[in-house]
Amino acid sequence: MGSSTQGVDGVWETEFSPNTEDSYMGKGIFSQKNGIVSGTFRTTTGDYRFLEGVMDADSLKLSAFDGAHAFLFHAKVSDSTMKGTFYSGNHFKEPFVAVRNENYELPSADSLTFIKEGYDRFDFSFPNLDGD
């Protein structure tokens, strides 16, 4: 491992799959001691587990494996930006971009589920065990 020329300590406002209809936001939260980095990316629906890895020159490599999920994040880092790829399992990968923003907060989870305009309650039905 070479020496770190960049640091990632702190909070990063992150967009996964930027400029696509599948785009979603994340919050990178990292701690760096020398070239060793730990932390996670939080999203509105959870997080990407405990990540650990290295900062080698301007290259960040973070990974996690919990028995069910294999994650790898690889990014090029400058003083205030990060651009990389998120790999999950054998086949999935998506780009991500991030900027330093110590004050960034994810959108409220309450904003994910709502009643459409013009409605004031849920209206649904389904049969019970007797078919009624």
C-alpha atoms as a PDB file:
ATOM      1  CA  MET A   1       0.000   0.000   0.000  1.00  0.00           C
ATOM      2  CA  GLY A   2       1.332   3.426  -0.972  1.00  0.00           C
ATOM      3  CA  SER A   3       0.800   6.601   0.956  1.00  0.00           C
ATOM      4  CA  SER A   4      -2.510   8.450   1.014  1.00  0.00           C
ATOM      5  CA  THR A   5      -2.540  11.691  -0.940  1.00  0.00           C
ATOM      6  CA  GLN A   6      -6.224  12.288  -0.158  1.00  0.00           C
ATOM      7  CA  GLY A   7      -8.434  11.908   2.888  1.00  0.00           C
ATOM      8  CA  VAL A   8     -12.069  10.865   3.180  1.00  0.00           C
ATOM      9  CA  ASP A   9     -12.738  11.565   6.872  1.00  0.00           C
ATOM     10  CA  GLY A  10     -16.225  13.024   7.322  1.00  0.00           C
ATOM     11  CA  VAL A  11     -19.563  13.177   5.521  1.00  0.00           C
ATOM     12  CA  TRP A  12     -20.102  12.839   1.769  1.00  0.00           C
ATOM     13  CA  GLU A  13     -23.327  13.717  -0.077  1.00  0.00           C
ATOM     14  CA  THR A  14     -23.572  10.824  -2.526  1.00  0.00           C
ATOM     15  CA  GLU A  15     -25.651  10.073  -5.606  1.00  0.00           C
ATOM     16  CA  PHE A  16     -25.810   6.508  -6.909  1.00  0.00           C
ATOM     17  CA  SER A  17     -26.607   5.947 -10.617  1.00  0.00           C
ATOM     18  CA  PRO A  18     -26.482   9.721 -11.240  1.00  0.00           C
ATOM     19  CA  ASN A  19     -28.442  11.205 -14.153  1.00  0.00           C
ATOM     20  CA  THR A  20     -30.642   8.113 -14.524  1.00  0.00           C
ATOM     21  CA  GLU A  21     -34.215   7.288 -13.525  1.00  0.00           C
ATOM     22  CA  ASP A  22     -32.731   4.849 -10.969  1.00  0.00           C
ATOM     23  CA  SER A  23     -30.764   7.598  -9.203  1.00  0.00           C
ATOM     24  CA  TYR A  24     -30.903   7.638  -5.393  1.00  0.00           C
ATOM     25  CA  MET A  25     -29.122   9.524  -2.636  1.00  0.00           C
ATOM     26  CA  GLY A  26     -26.734   8.261  -0.002  1.00  0.00           C
ATOM     27  CA  LYS A  27     -24.724   9.661   2.864  1.00  0.00           C
ATOM     28  CA  GLY A  28     -21.128   8.476   3.062  1.00  0.00           C
ATOM     29  CA  ILE A  29     -19.788   8.590   6.616  1.00  0.00           C
ATOM     30  CA  PHE A  30     -16.115   7.712   6.969  1.00  0.00           C
ATOM     31  CA  SER A  31     -13.279   7.677   9.443  1.00  0.00           C
ATOM     32  CA  GLN A  32      -9.685   7.495   8.231  1.00  0.00           C
ATOM     33  CA  LYS A  33      -6.591   6.764  10.260  1.00  0.00           C
ATOM     34  CA  ASN A  34      -3.471   6.854   8.116  1.00  0.00           C
ATOM     35  CA  GLY A  35      -4.483   4.804   5.067  1.00  0.00           C
ATOM     36  CA  ILE A  36      -7.152   2.674   6.811  1.00  0.00           C
ATOM     37  CA  VAL A  37     -10.782   3.728   6.207  1.00  0.00           C
ATOM     38  CA  SER A  38     -14.005   2.528   7.853  1.00  0.00           C
ATOM     39  CA  GLY A  39     -17.604   3.654   7.633  1.00  0.00           C
ATOM     40  CA  THR A  40     -20.707   3.166   5.493  1.00  0.00           C
ATOM     41  CA  PHE A  41     -23.028   4.654   2.924  1.00  0.00           C
ATOM     42  CA  ARG A  42     -26.481   5.239   4.414  1.00  0.00           C
ATOM     43  CA  THR A  43     -29.512   5.469   2.126  1.00  0.00           C
ATOM     44  CA  THR A  44     -33.177   6.252   2.784  1.00  0.00           C
ATOM     45  CA  THR A  45     -33.882   2.508   2.981  1.00  0.00           C
ATOM     46  CA  GLY A  46     -30.876   1.286   4.987  1.00  0.00           C
ATOM     47  CA  ASP A  47     -27.111   1.162   4.658  1.00  0.00           C
ATOM     48  CA  TYR A  48     -24.352  -0.776   2.944  1.00  0.00           C
ATOM     49  CA  ARG A  49     -23.141  -2.488   6.096  1.00  0.00           C
ATOM     50  CA  PHE A  50     -19.876  -1.840   7.922  1.00  0.00           C
ATOM     51  CA  LEU A  51     -17.296  -1.054   5.251  1.00  0.00           C
ATOM     52  CA  GLU A  52     -13.554  -1.186   5.736  1.00  0.00           C
ATOM     53  CA  GLY A  53     -10.690  -0.658   3.357  1.00  0.00           C
ATOM     54  CA  VAL A  54      -7.814   1.538   2.311  1.00  0.00           C
ATOM     55  CA  MET A  55      -6.994   4.910   0.858  1.00  0.00           C
ATOM     56  CA  ASP A  56      -4.003   4.405  -1.456  1.00  0.00           C
ATOM     57  CA  ALA A  57      -2.794   7.682  -2.993  1.00  0.00           C
ATOM     58  CA  ASP A  58      -6.084   9.009  -4.466  1.00  0.00           C
ATOM     59  CA  SER A  59      -7.813   5.610  -4.739  1.00  0.00           C
ATOM     60  CA  LEU A  60     -10.427   4.529  -2.173  1.00  0.00           C
ATOM     61  CA  LYS A  61     -11.281   0.824  -1.862  1.00  0.00           C
ATOM     62  CA  LEU A  62     -13.940  -0.242   0.659  1.00  0.00           C
ATOM     63  CA  SER A  63     -15.610  -3.621   1.026  1.00  0.00           C
ATOM     64  CA  ALA A  64     -17.924  -5.705   3.180  1.00  0.00           C
ATOM     65  CA  PHE A  65     -19.021  -9.334   3.258  1.00  0.00           C
ATOM     66  CA  ASP A  66     -21.583 -10.457   5.829  1.00  0.00           C
ATOM     67  CA  GLY A  67     -22.323 -13.952   4.570  1.00  0.00           C
ATOM     68  CA  ALA A  68     -25.171 -12.762   2.342  1.00  0.00           C
ATOM     69  CA  HIS A  69     -23.890  -9.544   0.754  1.00  0.00           C
ATOM     70  CA  ALA A  70     -20.555  -8.879  -0.960  1.00  0.00           C
ATOM     71  CA  PHE A  71     -19.984  -5.159  -1.547  1.00  0.00           C
ATOM     72  CA  LEU A  72     -17.032  -3.314  -3.078  1.00  0.00           C
ATOM     73  CA  PHE A  73     -16.728   0.441  -3.537  1.00  0.00           C
ATOM     74  CA  HIS A  74     -13.841   1.749  -5.614  1.00  0.00           C
ATOM     75  CA  ALA A  75     -13.429   5.506  -6.143  1.00  0.00           C
ATOM     76  CA  LYS A  76     -11.014   8.183  -7.268  1.00  0.00           C
ATOM     77  CA  VAL A  77     -10.884  10.910  -4.619  1.00  0.00           C
ATOM     78  CA  SER A  78      -9.906  14.558  -4.845  1.00  0.00           C
ATOM     79  CA  ASP A  79      -9.961  17.133  -2.071  1.00  0.00           C
ATOM     80  CA  SER A  80     -13.749  17.527  -2.186  1.00  0.00           C
ATOM     81  CA  THR A  81     -15.123  15.009  -4.713  1.00  0.00           C
ATOM     82  CA  MET A  82     -15.331  11.266  -5.139  1.00  0.00           C
ATOM     83  CA  LYS A  83     -16.220   9.372  -8.323  1.00  0.00           C
ATOM     84  CA  GLY A  84     -16.432   5.614  -8.433  1.00  0.00           C
ATOM     85  CA  THR A  85     -18.230   2.334  -8.908  1.00  0.00           C
ATOM     86  CA  PHE A  86     -20.256   0.248  -6.458  1.00  0.00           C
ATOM     87  CA  TYR A  87     -20.105  -3.518  -7.053  1.00  0.00           C
ATOM     88  CA  SER A  88     -22.561  -5.912  -5.407  1.00  0.00           C
ATOM     89  CA  GLY A  89     -22.246  -9.683  -5.734  1.00  0.00           C
ATOM     90  CA  ASN A  90     -21.021 -11.208  -8.983  1.00  0.00           C
ATOM     91  CA  HIS A  91     -22.943  -9.100 -11.473  1.00  0.00           C
ATOM     92  CA  PHE A  92     -24.364  -5.784 -10.221  1.00  0.00           C
ATOM     93  CA  LYS A  93     -22.459  -2.538 -10.538  1.00  0.00           C
ATOM     94  CA  GLU A  94     -23.437   1.122 -10.625  1.00  0.00           C
ATOM     95  CA  PRO A  95     -21.572   4.431 -10.696  1.00  0.00           C
ATOM     96  CA  PHE A  96     -21.636   6.943  -7.864  1.00  0.00           C
ATOM     97  CA  VAL A  97     -20.453  10.488  -7.285  1.00  0.00           C
ATOM     98  CA  ALA A  98     -20.004  12.293  -3.991  1.00  0.00           C
ATOM     99  CA  VAL A  99     -19.065  15.710  -2.647  1.00  0.00           C
ATOM    100  CA  ARG A 100     -17.927  16.647   0.834  1.00  0.00           C
ATOM    101  CA  ASN A 101     -20.816  18.070   2.823  1.00  0.00           C
ATOM    102  CA  GLU A 102     -20.559  17.833   6.608  1.00  0.00           C
ATOM    103  CA  ASN A 103     -24.137  19.173   6.937  1.00  0.00           C
ATOM    104  CA  TYR A 104     -25.803  16.740   4.521  1.00  0.00           C
ATOM    105  CA  GLU A 105     -28.825  14.801   5.739  1.00  0.00           C
ATOM    106  CA  LEU A 106     -30.769  12.195   3.798  1.00  0.00           C
ATOM    107  CA  PRO A 107     -34.374  12.982   2.855  1.00  0.00           C
ATOM    108  CA  SER A 108     -36.854  12.116   5.584  1.00  0.00           C
ATOM    109  CA  ALA A 109     -38.068   8.514   5.472  1.00  0.00           C
ATOM    110  CA  ASP A 110     -41.578   9.995   5.789  1.00  0.00           C
ATOM    111  CA  SER A 111     -41.159  11.460   2.290  1.00  0.00           C
ATOM    112  CA  LEU A 112     -40.900   7.970   0.751  1.00  0.00           C
ATOM    113  CA  THR A 113     -44.486   6.897   1.434  1.00  0.00           C
ATOM    114  CA  PHE A 114     -47.451   9.213   1.036  1.00  0.00           C
ATOM    115  CA  ILE A 115     -51.078   9.347  -0.002  1.00  0.00           C
ATOM    116  CA  LYS A 116     -51.665  10.718  -3.486  1.00  0.00           C
ATOM    117  CA  GLU A 117     -53.147  14.187  -3.811  1.00  0.00           C
ATOM    118  CA  GLY A 118     -56.934  14.090  -3.699  1.00  0.00           C
ATOM    119  CA  TYR A 119     -57.080  11.173  -1.241  1.00  0.00           C
ATOM    120  CA  ASP A 120     -57.301  11.342   2.532  1.00  0.00           C
ATOM    121  CA  ARG A 121     -57.123   7.626   3.391  1.00  0.00           C
ATOM    122  CA  PHE A 122     -56.190   4.230   2.001  1.00  0.00           C
ATOM    123  CA  ASP A 123     -59.049   2.445   0.251  1.00  0.00           C
ATOM    124  CA  PHE A 124     -58.564  -1.252  -0.381  1.00  0.00           C
ATOM    125  CA  SER A 125     -60.182  -4.618   0.210  1.00  0.00           C
ATOM    126  CA  PHE A 126     -59.234  -8.259   0.023  1.00  0.00           C
ATOM    127  CA  PRO A 127     -60.961 -11.556   0.818  1.00  0.00           C
ATOM    128  CA  ASN A 128     -60.721 -13.103   4.250  1.00  0.00           C
ATOM    129  CA  LEU A 129     -60.168 -16.842   4.796  1.00  0.00           C
ATOM    130  CA  ASP A 130     -63.875 -17.500   4.127  1.00  0.00           C
ATOM    131  CA  GLY A 131     -63.739 -15.656   0.780  1.00  0.00           C
ATOM    132  CA  ASP A 132     -65.791 -12.662   2.048  1.00  0.00           C
END
